[in-house]
Amino acid sequence: MLRHISERYARGLCAAVVAVVTLILAANAVPARAVDERRTSNVQQTHHAR
């Protein structure tokens, strides 16, 4: 019985660690930079009228 409880605890703890690491990596992710800077200057940005 105790073994099953410790296995569940270990799985839950492992899942929590994976979730926290995933959130940290997602928070630190930055947009990729364009290889060719000229292409980004041709992009038109539209602003929605309110």
N, C-alpha and C. Protein backbone atom coordinates (compact mmCIF):
# COMPACT_ATOMS: atom_id res chain seq x y z
N MET A 1 0.83 -1.20 0.00
CA MET A 1 0.00 0.00 0.00
C MET A 1 0.87 1.26 0.00
N LEU A 2 1.87 1.26 0.88
CA LEU A 2 2.74 2.42 0.96
C LEU A 2 3.53 2.62 -0.33
N ARG A 3 3.86 1.53 -0.98
CA ARG A 3 4.61 1.62 -2.23
C ARG A 3 3.77 2.31 -3.32
N HIS A 4 2.48 2.00 -3.38
CA HIS A 4 1.61 2.62 -4.38
C HIS A 4 1.46 4.12 -4.12
N ILE A 5 1.40 4.48 -2.85
CA ILE A 5 1.29 5.91 -2.51
C ILE A 5 2.56 6.64 -2.91
N SER A 6 3.71 6.05 -2.64
CA SER A 6 4.97 6.71 -2.99
C SER A 6 5.16 6.80 -4.49
N GLU A 7 4.68 5.80 -5.24
CA GLU A 7 4.75 5.86 -6.70
C GLU A 7 3.87 6.98 -7.24
N ARG A 8 2.68 7.12 -6.68
CA ARG A 8 1.79 8.21 -7.10
C ARG A 8 2.41 9.56 -6.76
N TYR A 9 3.00 9.67 -5.58
CA TYR A 9 3.64 10.91 -5.17
C TYR A 9 4.80 11.25 -6.12
N ALA A 10 5.59 10.25 -6.47
CA ALA A 10 6.74 10.47 -7.36
C ALA A 10 6.26 10.91 -8.74
N ARG A 11 5.19 10.27 -9.26
CA ARG A 11 4.66 10.67 -10.57
C ARG A 11 4.10 12.08 -10.54
N GLY A 12 3.40 12.40 -9.47
CA GLY A 12 2.84 13.75 -9.34
C GLY A 12 3.93 14.81 -9.23
N LEU A 13 4.95 14.50 -8.47
CA LEU A 13 6.07 15.43 -8.32
C LEU A 13 6.80 15.62 -9.63
N CYS A 14 7.01 14.54 -10.35
CA CYS A 14 7.67 14.61 -11.65
C CYS A 14 6.84 15.45 -12.63
N ALA A 15 5.54 15.25 -12.64
CA ALA A 15 4.67 16.03 -13.52
C ALA A 15 4.71 17.51 -13.15
N ALA A 16 4.76 17.81 -11.88
CA ALA A 16 4.82 19.20 -11.44
C ALA A 16 6.13 19.86 -11.87
N VAL A 17 7.23 19.13 -11.75
CA VAL A 17 8.53 19.67 -12.16
C VAL A 17 8.54 19.92 -13.66
N VAL A 18 8.02 18.99 -14.43
CA VAL A 18 7.96 19.17 -15.89
C VAL A 18 7.11 20.37 -16.24
N ALA A 19 5.99 20.56 -15.55
CA ALA A 19 5.12 21.70 -15.83
C ALA A 19 5.82 23.02 -15.52
N VAL A 20 6.52 23.08 -14.41
CA VAL A 20 7.22 24.32 -14.03
C VAL A 20 8.34 24.61 -15.02
N VAL A 21 9.10 23.61 -15.41
CA VAL A 21 10.18 23.82 -16.38
C VAL A 21 9.62 24.29 -17.72
N THR A 22 8.50 23.72 -18.13
CA THR A 22 7.86 24.12 -19.38
C THR A 22 7.43 25.58 -19.32
N LEU A 23 6.84 25.99 -18.21
CA LEU A 23 6.42 27.38 -18.06
C LEU A 23 7.60 28.34 -18.06
N ILE A 24 8.67 27.95 -17.41
CA ILE A 24 9.87 28.81 -17.37
C ILE A 24 10.47 28.95 -18.77
N LEU A 25 10.56 27.84 -19.49
CA LEU A 25 11.11 27.90 -20.85
C LEU A 25 10.21 28.73 -21.76
N ALA A 26 8.91 28.62 -21.61
CA ALA A 26 7.99 29.40 -22.44
C ALA A 26 8.08 30.88 -22.11
N ALA A 27 8.28 31.21 -20.86
CA ALA A 27 8.38 32.61 -20.46
C ALA A 27 9.67 33.24 -20.98
N ASN A 28 10.71 32.45 -21.11
CA ASN A 28 12.00 32.98 -21.56
C ASN A 28 12.18 32.91 -23.07
N ALA A 29 11.21 32.35 -23.76
CA ALA A 29 11.31 32.24 -25.22
C ALA A 29 11.17 33.63 -25.84
N VAL A 30 11.98 33.89 -26.83
CA VAL A 30 11.92 35.18 -27.54
C VAL A 30 11.60 34.90 -29.00
N PRO A 31 10.99 35.85 -29.67
CA PRO A 31 10.71 35.64 -31.09
C PRO A 31 12.02 35.47 -31.89
N ALA A 32 11.96 34.63 -32.88
CA ALA A 32 13.14 34.41 -33.72
C ALA A 32 13.43 35.65 -34.55
N ARG A 33 14.68 35.94 -34.73
CA ARG A 33 15.06 37.09 -35.55
C ARG A 33 15.10 36.70 -37.02
N ALA A 34 14.75 37.64 -37.84
CA ALA A 34 14.76 37.39 -39.28
C ALA A 34 16.21 37.32 -39.76
N VAL A 35 16.47 36.40 -40.66
CA VAL A 35 17.81 36.26 -41.21
C VAL A 35 18.11 37.42 -42.14
N ASP A 36 17.12 37.80 -42.95
CA ASP A 36 17.28 38.88 -43.90
C ASP A 36 16.51 40.10 -43.38
N GLU A 37 17.22 41.10 -42.95
CA GLU A 37 16.58 42.28 -42.36
C GLU A 37 15.75 43.06 -43.38
N ARG A 38 16.09 42.96 -44.67
CA ARG A 38 15.34 43.70 -45.69
C ARG A 38 13.90 43.23 -45.78
N ARG A 39 13.68 41.98 -45.58
CA ARG A 39 12.32 41.42 -45.69
C ARG A 39 11.40 41.98 -44.61
N THR A 40 11.92 42.22 -43.45
CA THR A 40 11.06 42.70 -42.37
C THR A 40 10.64 44.14 -42.58
N SER A 41 11.40 44.91 -43.37
CA SER A 41 11.02 46.30 -43.60
C SER A 41 9.87 46.41 -44.60
N ASN A 42 9.63 45.38 -45.38
CA ASN A 42 8.56 45.41 -46.36
C ASN A 42 7.21 44.97 -45.79
N VAL A 43 7.19 44.53 -44.57
CA VAL A 43 5.95 44.06 -43.96
C VAL A 43 5.11 45.26 -43.55
N GLN A 44 3.86 45.24 -43.97
CA GLN A 44 2.95 46.32 -43.60
C GLN A 44 2.17 45.90 -42.38
N GLN A 45 2.06 46.81 -41.45
CA GLN A 45 1.29 46.53 -40.25
C GLN A 45 -0.03 47.26 -40.35
N THR A 46 -1.09 46.56 -40.08
CA THR A 46 -2.40 47.19 -40.12
C THR A 46 -2.90 47.40 -38.71
N HIS A 47 -3.52 48.52 -38.50
CA HIS A 47 -4.11 48.83 -37.21
C HIS A 47 -5.62 48.83 -37.37
N HIS A 48 -6.27 48.09 -36.52
CA HIS A 48 -7.72 48.01 -36.61
C HIS A 48 -8.35 49.28 -36.06
N ALA A 49 -9.30 49.81 -36.81
CA ALA A 49 -10.01 51.01 -36.36
C ALA A 49 -10.97 50.63 -35.25
N ARG A 50 -11.04 51.47 -34.26
CA ARG A 50 -11.94 51.20 -33.14
C ARG A 50 -13.09 52.17 -33.12
